[in-house]
Amino acid sequence: CDPVRAMDRVSTSQFYSRSLTQMTGLNVRADKLQTQFSTTRKLDVASDDAAGFTRLAGLKRDASADKAVQGNLDRAAGILAQSDTALGGITDQLQRAKELAVQANSGTLTAGQRATIAQQLDGILQDVASLANQSDARGVPIFGGGGDAAFAIGADGRVSYVGGTRPGTIPTGNDTAVQVT
C-alpha cells in the first residue's frame, strides 16, 4: 500500500467530513434565521441570548408601565374634560338665574309670577348642585376634594361646601402624579 495514496484518502475523507459538518451547521443556522424571520422574533428562549433576553424582558416591563401611565393620563384628561363640561353647565345655569333675577326685579310682575320665578331659581340651584356633585369615572366627586360630595343645600336653602381638602390625583409613573382638579 502506497503511503501517499493512504494520506490522500485520509485527507480527502477529512475534507469531506469537515465540509459536511460545516454544511450541517450552516443549515441549522439558516433554519434558525428563517424561523426568526417568519416569527419576527429573534429570541425565543433565554439561551438564545441571555443579555438580550434580559433586556427584552425589561423593555416589555417598561412598555407595560408606559401603557398604564398612558391610561392614567387619558383618565385624567377625561376627568378634566368632564370638569369643563360641568363648569359650562353651571355657567349656563347661572346665566339663566341672572336673567330671572333681572326679570323678577321688574315692578310689573305679580306675586304669582314672582313665585314662579322663585321656583325656577330653586330648580336652577338644584341643577347647579347636581352638576357640582357629579362623580368622575373613579366614583369621586369632580369638585369634592376627596370627599363624598362637594356641596350640600341646607333646609334654609343655603349652599355649603362639604368636600374634602385633598385634591384628587392620578399616578403618572416614577413617583409622580397629576392633579385632576
N, C-alpha and C. Protein backbone atom coordinates (compact mmCIF):
# COMPACT_ATOMS: atom_id res chain seq x y z
N CYS A 1 0.86 -1.16 0.00
CA CYS A 1 0.00 0.00 0.00
C CYS A 1 0.90 1.22 0.00
N ASP A 2 0.54 2.11 -0.87
CA ASP A 2 1.32 3.34 -1.06
C ASP A 2 0.96 4.33 0.04
N PRO A 3 1.96 4.83 0.86
CA PRO A 3 1.63 5.74 1.94
C PRO A 3 1.10 7.06 1.45
N VAL A 4 1.48 7.53 0.29
CA VAL A 4 0.98 8.80 -0.23
C VAL A 4 -0.50 8.66 -0.56
N ARG A 5 -0.87 7.55 -1.18
CA ARG A 5 -2.27 7.33 -1.52
C ARG A 5 -3.13 7.21 -0.26
N ALA A 6 -2.62 6.55 0.79
CA ALA A 6 -3.37 6.43 2.04
C ALA A 6 -3.58 7.81 2.67
N MET A 7 -2.57 8.67 2.55
CA MET A 7 -2.68 10.02 3.08
C MET A 7 -3.70 10.82 2.30
N ASP A 8 -3.72 10.59 0.97
CA ASP A 8 -4.73 11.27 0.14
C ASP A 8 -6.13 10.85 0.56
N ARG A 9 -6.29 9.56 0.83
CA ARG A 9 -7.61 9.09 1.22
C ARG A 9 -8.02 9.69 2.57
N VAL A 10 -7.14 9.76 3.51
CA VAL A 10 -7.43 10.32 4.81
C VAL A 10 -7.72 11.81 4.66
N SER A 11 -6.90 12.51 3.89
CA SER A 11 -7.11 13.94 3.69
C SER A 11 -8.42 14.20 2.98
N THR A 12 -8.73 13.41 1.97
CA THR A 12 -9.98 13.57 1.24
C THR A 12 -11.17 13.27 2.16
N SER A 13 -11.03 12.22 2.96
CA SER A 13 -12.10 11.86 3.89
C SER A 13 -12.31 12.96 4.93
N GLN A 14 -11.24 13.49 5.46
CA GLN A 14 -11.34 14.58 6.43
C GLN A 14 -11.95 15.82 5.79
N PHE A 15 -11.53 16.08 4.54
CA PHE A 15 -12.06 17.24 3.83
C PHE A 15 -13.58 17.13 3.68
N TYR A 16 -14.04 15.97 3.24
CA TYR A 16 -15.48 15.78 3.04
C TYR A 16 -16.22 15.78 4.39
N SER A 17 -15.64 15.20 5.40
CA SER A 17 -16.26 15.17 6.72
C SER A 17 -16.37 16.59 7.28
N ARG A 18 -15.30 17.35 7.14
CA ARG A 18 -15.32 18.73 7.63
C ARG A 18 -16.34 19.56 6.84
N SER A 19 -16.39 19.38 5.54
CA SER A 19 -17.35 20.10 4.70
C SER A 19 -18.77 19.74 5.09
N LEU A 20 -19.02 18.46 5.36
CA LEU A 20 -20.35 18.02 5.77
C LEU A 20 -20.74 18.67 7.10
N THR A 21 -19.82 18.73 8.05
CA THR A 21 -20.09 19.36 9.34
C THR A 21 -20.40 20.84 9.18
N GLN A 22 -19.61 21.52 8.34
CA GLN A 22 -19.86 22.94 8.10
C GLN A 22 -21.20 23.17 7.42
N MET A 23 -21.54 22.35 6.45
CA MET A 23 -22.83 22.47 5.75
C MET A 23 -24.00 22.22 6.71
N THR A 24 -23.85 21.25 7.57
CA THR A 24 -24.89 20.97 8.56
C THR A 24 -25.06 22.16 9.49
N GLY A 25 -23.95 22.72 9.94
CA GLY A 25 -24.01 23.90 10.81
C GLY A 25 -24.66 25.08 10.11
N LEU A 26 -24.33 25.27 8.84
CA LEU A 26 -24.94 26.36 8.07
C LEU A 26 -26.44 26.13 7.88
N ASN A 27 -26.82 24.87 7.64
CA ASN A 27 -28.25 24.56 7.50
C ASN A 27 -29.01 24.84 8.80
N VAL A 28 -28.41 24.48 9.93
CA VAL A 28 -29.03 24.76 11.23
C VAL A 28 -29.17 26.27 11.42
N ARG A 29 -28.11 27.00 11.10
CA ARG A 29 -28.14 28.47 11.24
C ARG A 29 -29.19 29.07 10.30
N ALA A 30 -29.27 28.57 9.06
CA ALA A 30 -30.26 29.07 8.09
C ALA A 30 -31.68 28.78 8.58
N ASP A 31 -31.89 27.59 9.14
CA ASP A 31 -33.22 27.26 9.69
C ASP A 31 -33.59 28.20 10.83
N LYS A 32 -32.62 28.47 11.71
CA LYS A 32 -32.88 29.37 12.84
C LYS A 32 -33.20 30.77 12.34
N LEU A 33 -32.43 31.27 11.37
CA LEU A 33 -32.69 32.60 10.82
C LEU A 33 -34.05 32.65 10.12
N GLN A 34 -34.40 31.59 9.41
CA GLN A 34 -35.70 31.54 8.74
C GLN A 34 -36.83 31.57 9.76
N THR A 35 -36.66 30.84 10.86
CA THR A 35 -37.67 30.85 11.93
C THR A 35 -37.78 32.24 12.55
N GLN A 36 -36.65 32.87 12.81
CA GLN A 36 -36.67 34.23 13.36
C GLN A 36 -37.37 35.18 12.41
N PHE A 37 -37.09 35.04 11.13
CA PHE A 37 -37.69 35.93 10.14
C PHE A 37 -39.20 35.70 10.05
N SER A 38 -39.62 34.46 10.02
CA SER A 38 -41.05 34.18 9.85
C SER A 38 -41.86 34.51 11.10
N THR A 39 -41.24 34.36 12.29
CA THR A 39 -41.97 34.66 13.52
C THR A 39 -41.74 36.08 14.00
N THR A 40 -40.84 36.79 13.36
CA THR A 40 -40.41 38.15 13.73
C THR A 40 -39.93 38.21 15.18
N ARG A 41 -39.38 37.09 15.64
CA ARG A 41 -38.85 37.01 17.00
C ARG A 41 -37.42 36.52 16.93
N LYS A 42 -36.51 37.32 17.47
CA LYS A 42 -35.10 36.93 17.48
C LYS A 42 -34.82 36.01 18.65
N LEU A 43 -35.50 36.25 19.76
CA LEU A 43 -35.25 35.49 20.97
C LEU A 43 -36.49 34.68 21.34
N ASP A 44 -36.32 33.35 21.38
CA ASP A 44 -37.42 32.50 21.81
C ASP A 44 -37.22 32.04 23.24
N VAL A 45 -35.99 31.74 23.56
CA VAL A 45 -35.66 31.30 24.91
C VAL A 45 -34.45 32.07 25.40
N ALA A 46 -34.27 32.11 26.69
CA ALA A 46 -33.18 32.89 27.26
C ALA A 46 -31.82 32.42 26.76
N SER A 47 -31.70 31.15 26.43
CA SER A 47 -30.40 30.64 25.99
C SER A 47 -30.01 31.17 24.61
N ASP A 48 -30.95 31.72 23.85
CA ASP A 48 -30.61 32.31 22.55
C ASP A 48 -29.64 33.48 22.72
N ASP A 49 -29.88 34.30 23.73
CA ASP A 49 -29.02 35.45 24.02
C ASP A 49 -29.44 35.96 25.40
N ALA A 50 -28.73 35.52 26.43
CA ALA A 50 -29.13 35.82 27.81
C ALA A 50 -29.23 37.32 28.07
N ALA A 51 -28.22 38.07 27.64
CA ALA A 51 -28.25 39.52 27.87
C ALA A 51 -29.39 40.16 27.08
N GLY A 52 -29.56 39.74 25.85
CA GLY A 52 -30.65 40.27 25.02
C GLY A 52 -32.01 39.90 25.58
N PHE A 53 -32.13 38.68 26.09
CA PHE A 53 -33.40 38.24 26.66
C PHE A 53 -33.74 39.06 27.91
N THR A 54 -32.73 39.35 28.73
CA THR A 54 -32.94 40.17 29.92
C THR A 54 -33.36 41.58 29.53
N ARG A 55 -32.70 42.13 28.53
CA ARG A 55 -33.05 43.48 28.04
C ARG A 55 -34.47 43.49 27.47
N LEU A 56 -34.82 42.44 26.72
CA LEU A 56 -36.16 42.34 26.15
C LEU A 56 -37.22 42.28 27.25
N ALA A 57 -36.94 41.54 28.32
CA ALA A 57 -37.88 41.47 29.44
C ALA A 57 -38.05 42.85 30.07
N GLY A 58 -36.95 43.59 30.20
CA GLY A 58 -37.03 44.95 30.74
C GLY A 58 -37.83 45.86 29.84
N LEU A 59 -37.65 45.72 28.53
CA LEU A 59 -38.41 46.55 27.59
C LEU A 59 -39.90 46.23 27.64
N LYS A 60 -40.22 44.96 27.77
CA LYS A 60 -41.64 44.57 27.88
C LYS A 60 -42.25 45.15 29.15
N ARG A 61 -41.50 45.10 30.25
CA ARG A 61 -41.98 45.65 31.52
C ARG A 61 -42.18 47.16 31.39
N ASP A 62 -41.21 47.84 30.76
CA ASP A 62 -41.32 49.29 30.56
C ASP A 62 -42.51 49.64 29.66
N ALA A 63 -42.73 48.84 28.61
CA ALA A 63 -43.86 49.09 27.72
C ALA A 63 -45.18 48.92 28.46
N SER A 64 -45.24 47.94 29.34
CA SER A 64 -46.45 47.73 30.13
C SER A 64 -46.68 48.91 31.07
N ALA A 65 -45.61 49.39 31.69
CA ALA A 65 -45.73 50.55 32.58
C ALA A 65 -46.15 51.79 31.79
N ASP A 66 -45.61 51.95 30.59
CA ASP A 66 -45.99 53.08 29.74
C ASP A 66 -47.47 53.04 29.39
N LYS A 67 -48.00 51.84 29.12
CA LYS A 67 -49.43 51.72 28.82
C LYS A 67 -50.27 52.12 30.03
N ALA A 68 -49.83 51.72 31.22
CA ALA A 68 -50.57 52.08 32.43
C ALA A 68 -50.53 53.59 32.65
N VAL A 69 -49.37 54.19 32.45
CA VAL A 69 -49.25 55.65 32.62
C VAL A 69 -50.13 56.35 31.59
N GLN A 70 -50.10 55.88 30.34
CA GLN A 70 -50.92 56.50 29.31
C GLN A 70 -52.39 56.37 29.64
N GLY A 71 -52.79 55.22 30.17
CA GLY A 71 -54.18 55.04 30.60
C GLY A 71 -54.56 56.02 31.70
N ASN A 72 -53.65 56.23 32.65
CA ASN A 72 -53.92 57.19 33.72
C ASN A 72 -53.98 58.61 33.20
N LEU A 73 -53.10 58.95 32.25
CA LEU A 73 -53.15 60.29 31.66
C LEU A 73 -54.44 60.50 30.87
N ASP A 74 -54.88 59.46 30.16
CA ASP A 74 -56.15 59.55 29.44
C ASP A 74 -57.31 59.72 30.42
N ARG A 75 -57.25 59.00 31.54
CA ARG A 75 -58.30 59.12 32.57
C ARG A 75 -58.31 60.55 33.12
N ALA A 76 -57.13 61.10 33.40
CA ALA A 76 -57.05 62.48 33.92
C ALA A 76 -57.61 63.47 32.90
N ALA A 77 -57.27 63.28 31.64
CA ALA A 77 -57.79 64.18 30.59
C ALA A 77 -59.32 64.07 30.51
N GLY A 78 -59.84 62.86 30.66
CA GLY A 78 -61.29 62.67 30.65
C GLY A 78 -61.97 63.37 31.82
N ILE A 79 -61.33 63.29 32.99
CA ILE A 79 -61.89 63.94 34.18
C ILE A 79 -61.85 65.46 34.01
N LEU A 80 -60.76 65.98 33.44
CA LEU A 80 -60.68 67.43 33.20
C LEU A 80 -61.73 67.86 32.18
N ALA A 81 -61.95 67.05 31.15
CA ALA A 81 -62.99 67.38 30.16
C ALA A 81 -64.37 67.36 30.82
N GLN A 82 -64.59 66.38 31.70
CA GLN A 82 -65.87 66.32 32.42
C GLN A 82 -66.03 67.54 33.32
N SER A 83 -64.94 67.98 33.95
CA SER A 83 -64.98 69.18 34.79
C SER A 83 -65.34 70.40 33.96
N ASP A 84 -64.71 70.52 32.78
CA ASP A 84 -65.01 71.65 31.89
C ASP A 84 -66.48 71.64 31.47
N THR A 85 -67.00 70.46 31.15
CA THR A 85 -68.40 70.35 30.76
C THR A 85 -69.31 70.75 31.92
N ALA A 86 -68.98 70.28 33.12
CA ALA A 86 -69.79 70.64 34.30
C ALA A 86 -69.74 72.15 34.55
N LEU A 87 -68.57 72.74 34.44
CA LEU A 87 -68.44 74.18 34.64
C LEU A 87 -69.22 74.96 33.57
N GLY A 88 -69.22 74.45 32.34
CA GLY A 88 -70.02 75.08 31.28
C GLY A 88 -71.50 75.02 31.60
N GLY A 89 -71.95 73.86 32.12
CA GLY A 89 -73.35 73.73 32.51
C GLY A 89 -73.70 74.65 33.67
N ILE A 90 -72.81 74.78 34.63
CA ILE A 90 -73.04 75.68 35.77
C ILE A 90 -73.10 77.12 35.28
N THR A 91 -72.20 77.48 34.37
CA THR A 91 -72.21 78.84 33.81
C THR A 91 -73.53 79.13 33.13
N ASP A 92 -74.04 78.17 32.36
CA ASP A 92 -75.33 78.35 31.68
C ASP A 92 -76.45 78.55 32.70
N GLN A 93 -76.44 77.76 33.76
CA GLN A 93 -77.48 77.86 34.79
C GLN A 93 -77.40 79.21 35.51
N LEU A 94 -76.18 79.66 35.81
CA LEU A 94 -76.03 80.95 36.48
C LEU A 94 -76.46 82.11 35.57
N GLN A 95 -76.19 81.96 34.28
CA GLN A 95 -76.65 82.99 33.33
C GLN A 95 -78.18 83.04 33.32
N ARG A 96 -78.81 81.87 33.34
CA ARG A 96 -80.28 81.83 33.37
C ARG A 96 -80.79 82.43 34.68
N ALA A 97 -80.11 82.16 35.80
CA ALA A 97 -80.52 82.74 37.09
C ALA A 97 -80.40 84.26 37.06
N LYS A 98 -79.37 84.76 36.44
CA LYS A 98 -79.20 86.21 36.33
C LYS A 98 -80.35 86.82 35.52
N GLU A 99 -80.72 86.16 34.42
CA GLU A 99 -81.82 86.65 33.60
C GLU A 99 -83.13 86.67 34.41
N LEU A 100 -83.34 85.61 35.19
CA LEU A 100 -84.56 85.55 36.02
C LEU A 100 -84.54 86.62 37.10
N ALA A 101 -83.38 86.89 37.68
CA ALA A 101 -83.27 87.93 38.71
C ALA A 101 -83.59 89.30 38.13
N VAL A 102 -83.09 89.58 36.93
CA VAL A 102 -83.40 90.86 36.27
C VAL A 102 -84.89 90.95 35.99
N GLN A 103 -85.45 89.85 35.53
CA GLN A 103 -86.89 89.82 35.23
C GLN A 103 -87.70 90.01 36.52
N ALA A 104 -87.28 89.37 37.61
CA ALA A 104 -88.02 89.48 38.88
C ALA A 104 -87.90 90.88 39.47
N ASN A 105 -86.87 91.62 39.11
CA ASN A 105 -86.67 92.97 39.62
C ASN A 105 -87.65 93.96 39.01
N SER A 106 -88.32 93.54 37.96
CA SER A 106 -89.28 94.42 37.30
C SER A 106 -90.48 94.65 38.23
N GLY A 107 -90.93 95.87 38.29
CA GLY A 107 -92.06 96.21 39.14
C GLY A 107 -93.40 95.82 38.53
N THR A 108 -93.42 95.24 37.35
CA THR A 108 -94.69 94.94 36.69
C THR A 108 -95.14 93.50 36.92
N LEU A 109 -94.38 92.71 37.67
CA LEU A 109 -94.74 91.30 37.87
C LEU A 109 -95.70 91.14 39.05
N THR A 110 -96.56 90.19 38.93
CA THR A 110 -97.49 89.89 40.02
C THR A 110 -96.78 88.96 41.01
N ALA A 111 -97.37 88.76 42.15
CA ALA A 111 -96.81 87.86 43.17
C ALA A 111 -96.74 86.44 42.64
N GLY A 112 -97.71 86.02 41.86
CA GLY A 112 -97.71 84.67 41.27
C GLY A 112 -96.55 84.49 40.30
N GLN A 113 -96.29 85.54 39.50
CA GLN A 113 -95.18 85.46 38.55
C GLN A 113 -93.84 85.39 39.28
N ARG A 114 -93.76 86.17 40.38
CA ARG A 114 -92.52 86.13 41.17
C ARG A 114 -92.35 84.77 41.84
N ALA A 115 -93.43 84.16 42.26
CA ALA A 115 -93.36 82.82 42.86
C ALA A 115 -92.89 81.80 41.83
N THR A 116 -93.35 81.96 40.60
CA THR A 116 -92.91 81.07 39.51
C THR A 116 -91.41 81.24 39.27
N ILE A 117 -90.93 82.47 39.26
CA ILE A 117 -89.50 82.73 39.09
C ILE A 117 -88.71 82.12 40.25
N ALA A 118 -89.25 82.23 41.46
CA ALA A 118 -88.58 81.66 42.64
C ALA A 118 -88.46 80.14 42.50
N GLN A 119 -89.51 79.49 41.98
CA GLN A 119 -89.47 78.05 41.76
C GLN A 119 -88.41 77.70 40.71
N GLN A 120 -88.34 78.54 39.65
CA GLN A 120 -87.34 78.30 38.63
C GLN A 120 -85.93 78.46 39.21
N LEU A 121 -85.76 79.46 40.07
CA LEU A 121 -84.45 79.66 40.71
C LEU A 121 -84.09 78.48 41.62
N ASP A 122 -85.09 77.95 42.34
CA ASP A 122 -84.84 76.75 43.16
C ASP A 122 -84.40 75.58 42.28
N GLY A 123 -85.04 75.43 41.13
CA GLY A 123 -84.67 74.37 40.19
C GLY A 123 -83.24 74.57 39.67
N ILE A 124 -82.90 75.82 39.40
CA ILE A 124 -81.54 76.12 38.94
C ILE A 124 -80.53 75.78 40.03
N LEU A 125 -80.85 76.10 41.27
CA LEU A 125 -79.97 75.79 42.38
C LEU A 125 -79.76 74.27 42.49
N GLN A 126 -80.82 73.52 42.34
CA GLN A 126 -80.72 72.06 42.37
C GLN A 126 -79.84 71.55 41.22
N ASP A 127 -80.04 72.12 40.03
CA ASP A 127 -79.23 71.71 38.87
C ASP A 127 -77.76 72.02 39.08
N VAL A 128 -77.47 73.22 39.62
CA VAL A 128 -76.07 73.60 39.87
C VAL A 128 -75.45 72.65 40.90
N ALA A 129 -76.18 72.35 41.96
CA ALA A 129 -75.67 71.43 42.98
C ALA A 129 -75.43 70.05 42.38
N SER A 130 -76.33 69.61 41.54
CA SER A 130 -76.17 68.31 40.89
C SER A 130 -74.93 68.29 40.00
N LEU A 131 -74.75 69.36 39.22
CA LEU A 131 -73.56 69.45 38.36
C LEU A 131 -72.29 69.49 39.20
N ALA A 132 -72.31 70.21 40.30
CA ALA A 132 -71.13 70.35 41.15
C ALA A 132 -70.80 69.05 41.89
N ASN A 133 -71.79 68.20 42.10
CA ASN A 133 -71.58 66.95 42.83
C ASN A 133 -71.37 65.75 41.91
N GLN A 134 -71.24 65.96 40.62
CA GLN A 134 -71.02 64.85 39.69
C GLN A 134 -69.79 64.05 40.09
N SER A 135 -69.86 62.75 39.89
CA SER A 135 -68.70 61.89 40.15
C SER A 135 -68.00 61.59 38.84
N ASP A 136 -66.68 61.43 38.92
CA ASP A 136 -65.90 61.09 37.73
C ASP A 136 -65.91 59.58 37.53
N ALA A 137 -65.10 59.11 36.61
CA ALA A 137 -65.05 57.69 36.28
C ALA A 137 -64.58 56.84 37.46
N ARG A 138 -63.88 57.44 38.40
CA ARG A 138 -63.40 56.71 39.58
C ARG A 138 -64.45 56.67 40.68
N GLY A 139 -65.57 57.42 40.49
CA GLY A 139 -66.60 57.49 41.51
C GLY A 139 -66.37 58.59 42.53
N VAL A 140 -65.43 59.48 42.25
CA VAL A 140 -65.08 60.58 43.15
C VAL A 140 -65.73 61.86 42.62
N PRO A 141 -66.40 62.65 43.49
CA PRO A 141 -66.98 63.92 43.02
C PRO A 141 -65.89 64.80 42.40
N ILE A 142 -66.17 65.33 41.20
CA ILE A 142 -65.12 66.07 40.48
C ILE A 142 -64.71 67.35 41.19
N PHE A 143 -65.58 67.92 42.00
CA PHE A 143 -65.23 69.13 42.75
C PHE A 143 -65.22 68.86 44.25
N GLY A 144 -65.14 67.59 44.66
CA GLY A 144 -65.29 67.23 46.06
C GLY A 144 -64.03 67.23 46.89
N GLY A 145 -62.85 67.42 46.29
CA GLY A 145 -61.62 67.45 47.08
C GLY A 145 -61.36 66.18 47.86
N GLY A 146 -61.79 65.05 47.32
CA GLY A 146 -61.59 63.78 48.00
C GLY A 146 -62.71 63.40 48.94
N GLY A 147 -63.70 64.25 49.11
CA GLY A 147 -64.84 63.94 49.98
C GLY A 147 -65.90 63.13 49.23
N ASP A 148 -66.98 62.83 49.95
CA ASP A 148 -68.07 62.06 49.34
C ASP A 148 -68.96 62.92 48.46
N ALA A 149 -69.01 64.20 48.72
CA ALA A 149 -69.79 65.15 47.92
C ALA A 149 -69.07 66.49 47.98
N ALA A 150 -69.42 67.36 47.06
CA ALA A 150 -68.78 68.68 47.06
C ALA A 150 -69.63 69.72 47.79
N PHE A 151 -70.92 69.74 47.48
CA PHE A 151 -71.80 70.77 48.02
C PHE A 151 -73.07 70.15 48.56
N ALA A 152 -73.64 70.83 49.54
CA ALA A 152 -74.92 70.41 50.11
C ALA A 152 -75.80 71.65 50.24
N ILE A 153 -77.09 71.43 50.05
CA ILE A 153 -78.07 72.51 50.21
C ILE A 153 -78.81 72.26 51.51
N GLY A 154 -78.72 73.23 52.40
CA GLY A 154 -79.38 73.11 53.70
C GLY A 154 -80.88 73.32 53.58
N ALA A 155 -81.59 73.04 54.66
CA ALA A 155 -83.05 73.21 54.69
C ALA A 155 -83.44 74.66 54.46
N ASP A 156 -82.55 75.58 54.83
CA ASP A 156 -82.84 77.01 54.65
C ASP A 156 -82.45 77.49 53.25
N GLY A 157 -81.96 76.57 52.38
CA GLY A 157 -81.59 76.94 51.00
C GLY A 157 -80.15 77.37 50.85
N ARG A 158 -79.42 77.40 51.95
CA ARG A 158 -78.02 77.80 51.87
C ARG A 158 -77.17 76.66 51.31
N VAL A 159 -76.24 77.04 50.48
CA VAL A 159 -75.33 76.06 49.89
C VAL A 159 -74.02 76.11 50.65
N SER A 160 -73.50 74.95 51.01
CA SER A 160 -72.21 74.91 51.71
C SER A 160 -71.32 73.83 51.11
N TYR A 161 -70.04 74.08 51.19
CA TYR A 161 -69.06 73.13 50.69
C TYR A 161 -68.84 72.07 51.75
N VAL A 162 -69.01 70.83 51.39
CA VAL A 162 -68.85 69.73 52.33
C VAL A 162 -67.76 68.75 51.87
N GLY A 163 -67.04 69.13 50.82
CA GLY A 163 -65.99 68.26 50.27
C GLY A 163 -64.75 68.24 51.15
N GLY A 164 -63.80 67.45 50.72
CA GLY A 164 -62.54 67.33 51.44
C GLY A 164 -61.57 68.44 51.05
N THR A 165 -60.38 68.32 51.57
CA THR A 165 -59.35 69.33 51.29
C THR A 165 -58.22 68.78 50.43
N ARG A 166 -58.27 67.50 50.10
CA ARG A 166 -57.23 66.89 49.28
C ARG A 166 -57.64 66.93 47.81
N PRO A 167 -56.82 67.49 46.95
CA PRO A 167 -57.15 67.43 45.53
C PRO A 167 -56.96 66.01 45.02
N GLY A 168 -57.79 65.61 44.08
CA GLY A 168 -57.65 64.27 43.51
C GLY A 168 -56.42 64.18 42.64
N THR A 169 -55.69 63.09 42.75
CA THR A 169 -54.50 62.88 41.93
C THR A 169 -54.58 61.53 41.25
N ILE A 170 -53.88 61.43 40.13
CA ILE A 170 -53.77 60.18 39.40
C ILE A 170 -52.28 59.94 39.15
N PRO A 171 -51.77 58.74 39.51
CA PRO A 171 -50.34 58.48 39.33
C PRO A 171 -49.97 58.46 37.84
N THR A 172 -48.80 59.03 37.54
CA THR A 172 -48.33 59.07 36.15
C THR A 172 -46.98 58.39 36.00
N GLY A 173 -46.53 57.68 37.01
CA GLY A 173 -45.29 56.91 36.92
C GLY A 173 -44.14 57.59 37.61
N ASN A 174 -43.15 56.77 37.99
CA ASN A 174 -41.92 57.25 38.63
C ASN A 174 -42.21 58.17 39.80
N ASP A 175 -43.12 57.76 40.66
CA ASP A 175 -43.46 58.52 41.87
C ASP A 175 -43.97 59.93 41.56
N THR A 176 -44.64 60.10 40.45
CA THR A 176 -45.26 61.39 40.11
C THR A 176 -46.75 61.18 39.93
N ALA A 177 -47.49 62.26 40.12
CA ALA A 177 -48.94 62.21 39.96
C ALA A 177 -49.39 63.56 39.43
N VAL A 178 -50.55 63.54 38.78
CA VAL A 178 -51.11 64.78 38.26
C VAL A 178 -52.43 65.05 38.98
N GLN A 179 -52.65 66.32 39.37
CA GLN A 179 -53.92 66.69 39.99
C GLN A 179 -54.96 66.84 38.88
N VAL A 180 -56.13 66.31 39.14
CA VAL A 180 -57.17 66.32 38.11
C VAL A 180 -58.22 67.38 38.36
N THR A 181 -57.99 68.25 39.33
CA THR A 181 -58.98 69.28 39.60
C THR A 181 -58.38 70.65 39.32
